[in-house]
Amino acid sequence: MSDSNPTRGWFAVGIGLIILGGAVYGLAAFVGIGFAISSVSAEAGGPVWAILLIPGLAGLGFLILLAKVVVDRLNNAEDDHYSRNVDK
């Protein structure tokens, strides 16, 4: 690909929108779960937040791996070389 490609910045815009959408969705889910857990703990009277520990750890692990994939792709010179030089 040449530097005068009109779609050069689309990757950054696309990744930015995906990250923004995921952040908004995650925040909304967190707030919704917070309301649900507070309602349940008011009725049950126990520490219901402990139920979310295991799924929370799994979600955190997923986010860490997703960030690793994105950073590895952005910093991989070999992928950039093939994107620019290999005919499609």
N, C-alpha and C. Protein backbone atom coordinates (compact mmCIF):
# COMPACT_ATOMS: atom_id res chain seq x y z
N MET A 1 0.84 -1.18 0.00
CA MET A 1 0.00 0.00 0.00
C MET A 1 0.88 1.23 0.00
N SER A 2 0.46 2.24 -0.68
CA SER A 2 1.23 3.47 -0.70
C SER A 2 0.75 4.41 0.40
N ASP A 3 1.57 5.44 0.66
CA ASP A 3 1.23 6.40 1.70
C ASP A 3 0.08 7.31 1.30
N SER A 4 -0.24 7.36 0.00
CA SER A 4 -1.33 8.24 -0.44
C SER A 4 -2.67 7.50 -0.47
N ASN A 5 -2.74 6.36 0.17
CA ASN A 5 -3.97 5.57 0.22
C ASN A 5 -5.05 6.36 0.98
N PRO A 6 -6.24 6.55 0.39
CA PRO A 6 -7.28 7.35 1.06
C PRO A 6 -7.88 6.67 2.28
N THR A 7 -7.65 5.38 2.47
CA THR A 7 -8.21 4.67 3.62
C THR A 7 -7.17 4.44 4.71
N ARG A 8 -6.09 5.19 4.69
CA ARG A 8 -4.98 4.96 5.61
C ARG A 8 -5.38 5.13 7.08
N GLY A 9 -6.18 6.10 7.41
CA GLY A 9 -6.56 6.35 8.79
C GLY A 9 -7.79 5.59 9.26
N TRP A 10 -8.39 4.83 8.38
CA TRP A 10 -9.62 4.11 8.73
C TRP A 10 -9.39 3.06 9.80
N PHE A 11 -8.21 2.45 9.81
CA PHE A 11 -7.92 1.44 10.82
C PHE A 11 -7.98 2.04 12.22
N ALA A 12 -7.33 3.19 12.39
CA ALA A 12 -7.33 3.85 13.70
C ALA A 12 -8.73 4.27 14.12
N VAL A 13 -9.50 4.78 13.16
CA VAL A 13 -10.88 5.19 13.47
C VAL A 13 -11.71 3.97 13.84
N GLY A 14 -11.56 2.88 13.08
CA GLY A 14 -12.32 1.66 13.37
C GLY A 14 -11.99 1.08 14.73
N ILE A 15 -10.69 0.97 15.03
CA ILE A 15 -10.28 0.45 16.34
C ILE A 15 -10.77 1.37 17.46
N GLY A 16 -10.68 2.67 17.24
CA GLY A 16 -11.16 3.62 18.25
C GLY A 16 -12.64 3.47 18.53
N LEU A 17 -13.43 3.29 17.47
CA LEU A 17 -14.87 3.12 17.66
C LEU A 17 -15.20 1.79 18.34
N ILE A 18 -14.46 0.74 18.00
CA ILE A 18 -14.69 -0.56 18.66
C ILE A 18 -14.37 -0.46 20.14
N ILE A 19 -13.25 0.19 20.48
CA ILE A 19 -12.87 0.33 21.88
C ILE A 19 -13.87 1.21 22.62
N LEU A 20 -14.30 2.31 22.00
CA LEU A 20 -15.29 3.18 22.62
C LEU A 20 -16.61 2.44 22.86
N GLY A 21 -17.07 1.71 21.85
CA GLY A 21 -18.32 0.95 22.00
C GLY A 21 -18.21 -0.10 23.09
N GLY A 22 -17.07 -0.79 23.14
CA GLY A 22 -16.87 -1.79 24.19
C GLY A 22 -16.84 -1.16 25.57
N ALA A 23 -16.22 0.00 25.68
CA ALA A 23 -16.15 0.69 26.97
C ALA A 23 -17.53 1.14 27.43
N VAL A 24 -18.31 1.70 26.52
CA VAL A 24 -19.67 2.14 26.89
C VAL A 24 -20.53 0.95 27.27
N TYR A 25 -20.43 -0.13 26.48
CA TYR A 25 -21.21 -1.34 26.77
C TYR A 25 -20.79 -1.93 28.12
N GLY A 26 -19.49 -2.00 28.38
CA GLY A 26 -19.01 -2.53 29.65
C GLY A 26 -19.44 -1.69 30.83
N LEU A 27 -19.41 -0.37 30.67
CA LEU A 27 -19.85 0.51 31.74
C LEU A 27 -21.35 0.34 32.02
N ALA A 28 -22.14 0.25 30.94
CA ALA A 28 -23.59 0.04 31.12
C ALA A 28 -23.87 -1.31 31.78
N ALA A 29 -23.13 -2.34 31.38
CA ALA A 29 -23.31 -3.65 32.01
C ALA A 29 -22.92 -3.60 33.48
N PHE A 30 -21.82 -2.92 33.79
CA PHE A 30 -21.38 -2.81 35.18
C PHE A 30 -22.41 -2.09 36.04
N VAL A 31 -22.97 -1.00 35.51
CA VAL A 31 -23.99 -0.26 36.26
C VAL A 31 -25.25 -1.11 36.44
N GLY A 32 -25.66 -1.81 35.39
CA GLY A 32 -26.84 -2.68 35.49
C GLY A 32 -26.64 -3.81 36.48
N ILE A 33 -25.46 -4.43 36.46
CA ILE A 33 -25.16 -5.49 37.42
C ILE A 33 -25.13 -4.93 38.83
N GLY A 34 -24.61 -3.71 38.97
CA GLY A 34 -24.58 -3.08 40.29
C GLY A 34 -25.97 -2.87 40.86
N PHE A 35 -26.90 -2.41 40.01
CA PHE A 35 -28.28 -2.24 40.47
C PHE A 35 -28.91 -3.58 40.83
N ALA A 36 -28.67 -4.60 40.01
CA ALA A 36 -29.25 -5.91 40.28
C ALA A 36 -28.69 -6.51 41.57
N ILE A 37 -27.39 -6.41 41.77
CA ILE A 37 -26.77 -6.96 42.97
C ILE A 37 -27.22 -6.21 44.22
N SER A 38 -27.37 -4.90 44.12
CA SER A 38 -27.83 -4.15 45.30
C SER A 38 -29.26 -4.52 45.66
N SER A 39 -30.09 -4.78 44.65
CA SER A 39 -31.47 -5.22 44.92
C SER A 39 -31.48 -6.59 45.58
N VAL A 40 -30.67 -7.49 45.08
CA VAL A 40 -30.63 -8.84 45.63
C VAL A 40 -30.04 -8.83 47.04
N SER A 41 -28.99 -8.06 47.25
CA SER A 41 -28.38 -8.05 48.58
C SER A 41 -29.30 -7.39 49.61
N ALA A 42 -30.15 -6.46 49.16
CA ALA A 42 -31.11 -5.86 50.09
C ALA A 42 -32.13 -6.90 50.54
N GLU A 43 -32.52 -7.80 49.63
CA GLU A 43 -33.49 -8.84 50.00
C GLU A 43 -32.83 -9.99 50.73
N ALA A 44 -31.65 -10.42 50.26
CA ALA A 44 -30.99 -11.58 50.86
C ALA A 44 -30.21 -11.21 52.11
N GLY A 45 -29.71 -10.01 52.16
CA GLY A 45 -28.98 -9.57 53.35
C GLY A 45 -27.56 -10.09 53.44
N GLY A 46 -27.03 -10.67 52.38
CA GLY A 46 -25.68 -11.23 52.44
C GLY A 46 -24.76 -10.57 51.43
N PRO A 47 -23.51 -10.93 51.48
CA PRO A 47 -22.53 -10.37 50.53
C PRO A 47 -22.64 -11.05 49.16
N VAL A 48 -23.52 -10.57 48.35
CA VAL A 48 -23.78 -11.17 47.05
C VAL A 48 -22.69 -10.78 46.04
N TRP A 49 -21.92 -9.74 46.35
CA TRP A 49 -20.87 -9.30 45.43
C TRP A 49 -19.82 -10.38 45.21
N ALA A 50 -19.66 -11.30 46.16
CA ALA A 50 -18.67 -12.36 46.04
C ALA A 50 -19.01 -13.30 44.88
N ILE A 51 -20.28 -13.34 44.49
CA ILE A 51 -20.70 -14.19 43.37
C ILE A 51 -20.04 -13.73 42.07
N LEU A 52 -19.77 -12.45 41.95
CA LEU A 52 -19.21 -11.90 40.72
C LEU A 52 -17.69 -12.01 40.64
N LEU A 53 -17.04 -12.55 41.63
CA LEU A 53 -15.59 -12.62 41.64
C LEU A 53 -15.04 -13.46 40.49
N ILE A 54 -15.56 -14.66 40.31
CA ILE A 54 -15.04 -15.55 39.26
C ILE A 54 -15.32 -15.01 37.86
N PRO A 55 -16.55 -14.60 37.52
CA PRO A 55 -16.75 -14.01 36.20
C PRO A 55 -15.96 -12.72 36.01
N GLY A 56 -15.76 -11.97 37.07
CA GLY A 56 -14.97 -10.75 36.98
C GLY A 56 -13.52 -11.04 36.64
N LEU A 57 -12.96 -12.07 37.25
CA LEU A 57 -11.58 -12.46 36.94
C LEU A 57 -11.46 -12.95 35.50
N ALA A 58 -12.44 -13.71 35.04
CA ALA A 58 -12.43 -14.18 33.65
C ALA A 58 -12.54 -13.01 32.67
N GLY A 59 -13.39 -12.05 32.97
CA GLY A 59 -13.54 -10.88 32.12
C GLY A 59 -12.27 -10.04 32.09
N LEU A 60 -11.62 -9.89 33.23
CA LEU A 60 -10.37 -9.16 33.30
C LEU A 60 -9.29 -9.86 32.48
N GLY A 61 -9.23 -11.18 32.58
CA GLY A 61 -8.27 -11.94 31.77
C GLY A 61 -8.52 -11.77 30.29
N PHE A 62 -9.79 -11.77 29.89
CA PHE A 62 -10.14 -11.57 28.48
C PHE A 62 -9.71 -10.19 28.01
N LEU A 63 -9.95 -9.17 28.80
CA LEU A 63 -9.55 -7.81 28.43
C LEU A 63 -8.04 -7.67 28.30
N ILE A 64 -7.31 -8.33 29.20
CA ILE A 64 -5.84 -8.28 29.13
C ILE A 64 -5.35 -8.96 27.85
N LEU A 65 -5.91 -10.11 27.52
CA LEU A 65 -5.50 -10.80 26.30
C LEU A 65 -5.89 -10.02 25.05
N LEU A 66 -7.05 -9.38 25.06
CA LEU A 66 -7.47 -8.57 23.92
C LEU A 66 -6.52 -7.39 23.73
N ALA A 67 -6.14 -6.74 24.81
CA ALA A 67 -5.20 -5.63 24.72
C ALA A 67 -3.84 -6.11 24.21
N LYS A 68 -3.40 -7.31 24.63
CA LYS A 68 -2.14 -7.86 24.16
C LYS A 68 -2.17 -8.10 22.66
N VAL A 69 -3.27 -8.64 22.14
CA VAL A 69 -3.40 -8.90 20.71
C VAL A 69 -3.34 -7.60 19.91
N VAL A 70 -4.05 -6.59 20.37
CA VAL A 70 -4.07 -5.31 19.66
C VAL A 70 -2.69 -4.67 19.68
N VAL A 71 -2.03 -4.65 20.82
CA VAL A 71 -0.70 -4.04 20.92
C VAL A 71 0.32 -4.82 20.09
N ASP A 72 0.25 -6.16 20.14
CA ASP A 72 1.18 -6.96 19.32
C ASP A 72 0.99 -6.69 17.84
N ARG A 73 -0.25 -6.56 17.41
CA ARG A 73 -0.51 -6.30 15.99
C ARG A 73 -0.02 -4.92 15.59
N LEU A 74 -0.24 -3.93 16.42
CA LEU A 74 0.18 -2.58 16.08
C LEU A 74 1.70 -2.43 16.07
N ASN A 75 2.41 -3.23 16.84
CA ASN A 75 3.86 -3.12 16.95
C ASN A 75 4.62 -4.15 16.14
N ASN A 76 3.96 -4.92 15.28
CA ASN A 76 4.61 -5.98 14.53
C ASN A 76 5.05 -5.46 13.17
N ALA A 77 6.35 -5.30 13.00
CA ALA A 77 6.89 -4.78 11.74
C ALA A 77 6.70 -5.76 10.60
N GLU A 78 6.73 -7.06 10.89
CA GLU A 78 6.57 -8.06 9.83
C GLU A 78 5.17 -7.98 9.22
N ASP A 79 4.14 -7.83 10.05
CA ASP A 79 2.78 -7.68 9.54
C ASP A 79 2.67 -6.43 8.68
N ASP A 80 3.29 -5.34 9.13
CA ASP A 80 3.25 -4.10 8.35
C ASP A 80 3.95 -4.28 7.00
N HIS A 81 5.07 -4.99 7.00
CA HIS A 81 5.80 -5.24 5.75
C HIS A 81 4.92 -6.00 4.77
N TYR A 82 4.28 -7.07 5.23
CA TYR A 82 3.44 -7.86 4.33
C TYR A 82 2.21 -7.08 3.87
N SER A 83 1.68 -6.23 4.74
CA SER A 83 0.53 -5.42 4.36
C SER A 83 0.88 -4.46 3.24
N ARG A 84 2.10 -3.93 3.26
CA ARG A 84 2.52 -2.95 2.26
C ARG A 84 3.04 -3.59 0.97
N ASN A 85 3.72 -4.74 1.09
CA ASN A 85 4.49 -5.24 -0.04
C ASN A 85 3.95 -6.48 -0.74
N VAL A 86 3.09 -7.24 -0.12
CA VAL A 86 2.60 -8.47 -0.74
C VAL A 86 1.39 -8.15 -1.60
N ASP A 87 1.43 -8.62 -2.83
CA ASP A 87 0.30 -8.39 -3.74
C ASP A 87 -0.89 -9.23 -3.31
N LYS A 88 -2.04 -8.65 -3.48
CA LYS A 88 -3.26 -9.34 -3.07
C LYS A 88 -3.97 -9.88 -4.28
